[in-house]
Structures are given as structure tokens and as C-alpha cells.
Protein backbone atom coordinates (compact mmCIF):
# COMPACT_ATOMS: atom_id res chain seq x y z
CA MET A 1 -25.22 -0.52 -23.41
CA ALA A 2 -22.38 0.20 -20.99
CA GLY A 3 -18.96 -1.41 -21.33
CA LYS A 4 -17.63 -4.08 -19.02
CA GLU A 5 -16.43 -2.82 -15.66
CA GLN A 6 -12.71 -3.20 -15.14
CA ILE A 7 -10.88 -3.33 -11.84
CA LEU A 8 -7.20 -2.99 -11.13
CA ILE A 9 -5.66 -6.30 -10.10
CA ASP A 10 -2.49 -6.35 -8.05
CA ARG A 11 -1.43 -9.96 -8.63
CA LYS A 12 0.13 -10.97 -5.35
CA VAL A 13 -0.92 -14.60 -5.75
CA THR A 14 -0.80 -16.90 -8.73
CA LEU A 15 -3.63 -18.95 -10.14
CA ASP A 16 -1.86 -22.09 -8.89
CA GLU A 17 -1.79 -20.68 -5.36
CA ILE A 18 -5.50 -19.86 -5.54
CA ASN A 19 -6.27 -23.40 -6.75
CA SER A 20 -4.22 -24.85 -3.89
CA LEU A 21 -6.09 -22.72 -1.36
CA ILE A 22 -9.42 -23.81 -2.87
CA LYS A 23 -8.46 -27.49 -2.48
CA HIS A 24 -7.73 -27.13 1.22
CA GLU A 25 -10.41 -24.64 2.29
CA ASN A 26 -13.48 -25.86 4.20
CA ASN A 27 -15.21 -22.55 4.97
CA SER A 28 -17.89 -21.88 2.33
CA ARG A 29 -17.65 -18.08 2.70
CA VAL A 30 -13.92 -18.15 2.08
CA LEU A 31 -14.39 -20.57 -0.83
CA LYS A 32 -16.78 -18.14 -2.55
CA ARG A 33 -14.21 -15.37 -2.24
CA LEU A 34 -11.42 -17.59 -3.54
CA TYR A 35 -13.52 -18.65 -6.53
CA PHE A 36 -14.40 -15.00 -7.20
CA VAL A 37 -10.69 -14.09 -7.25
CA LYS A 38 -9.98 -17.08 -9.50
CA PHE A 39 -12.64 -16.02 -12.01
CA ILE A 40 -11.32 -12.44 -12.02
CA LEU A 41 -7.77 -13.71 -12.64
CA LEU A 42 -9.12 -15.79 -15.53
CA GLY A 43 -10.51 -12.61 -17.11
CA ASP A 44 -14.16 -12.51 -16.07
CA SER A 45 -15.82 -9.19 -15.32
CA VAL A 46 -16.93 -8.43 -11.76
CA GLU A 47 -20.54 -9.07 -12.77
CA ASP A 48 -19.77 -12.41 -14.46
CA ALA A 49 -17.58 -13.62 -11.60
CA SER A 50 -20.17 -12.67 -8.99
CA THR A 51 -22.88 -14.49 -10.93
CA LYS A 52 -20.73 -17.63 -11.06
CA VAL A 53 -20.29 -17.67 -7.28
CA GLY A 54 -23.98 -16.94 -6.73
CA VAL A 55 -23.64 -13.49 -5.17
CA THR A 56 -24.91 -10.15 -6.45
CA LYS A 57 -22.47 -7.67 -7.92
CA ASN A 58 -23.42 -5.11 -5.25
CA ARG A 59 -22.61 -7.54 -2.46
CA ILE A 60 -19.19 -8.26 -4.00
CA GLU A 61 -18.46 -4.56 -4.33
CA ASN A 62 -19.52 -3.80 -0.76
CA ARG A 63 -17.84 -6.78 0.92
CA ILE A 64 -14.69 -7.35 -1.13
CA LEU A 65 -13.87 -4.48 -3.47
CA LEU A 66 -14.98 -1.40 -1.53
CA PRO A 67 -13.01 -2.06 1.69
CA ARG A 68 -9.83 -2.47 -0.41
CA ARG A 69 -10.41 0.87 -2.15
CA LEU A 70 -10.74 2.67 1.20
CA GLU A 71 -7.40 1.44 2.58
């Protein structure tokens, strides 16, 4: 069994700021991303956080994590 995947988090926003953004956001795509970030900040693995927002781990890696690694 492989260990949990870990990603480097550069905390530029606080959990309170994420919660505030979630309260005021109406776009469902953006909400999923905000919840994903919230779950990661709370200590979930990429796989667990993606499951909670109802998206596959591969989709999260390709849409959110991979573009950030290429910059």
C-alpha cells in the first residue's frame, strides 16, 4: 500500500478567507475549487479532498495542481 500523497502548500490565504469566499461565491465550479482548497488546508490528502468535492483525483491534478507546477 502506497503512502498518502503530499503536496506543497504555499499558504497565501487563511482558512477564514476561504470560508468568506465560499459564503459569497455563486459559481459552482469555483465553489468546488474553494472547497478543495479548504479540505487541503484542513489536512486532507489530494485523494480525500477530491472525493469530498465529487471530482476524480486525476481531474484535480490536471485542472488545478498541474498548471501550478508548470508555472
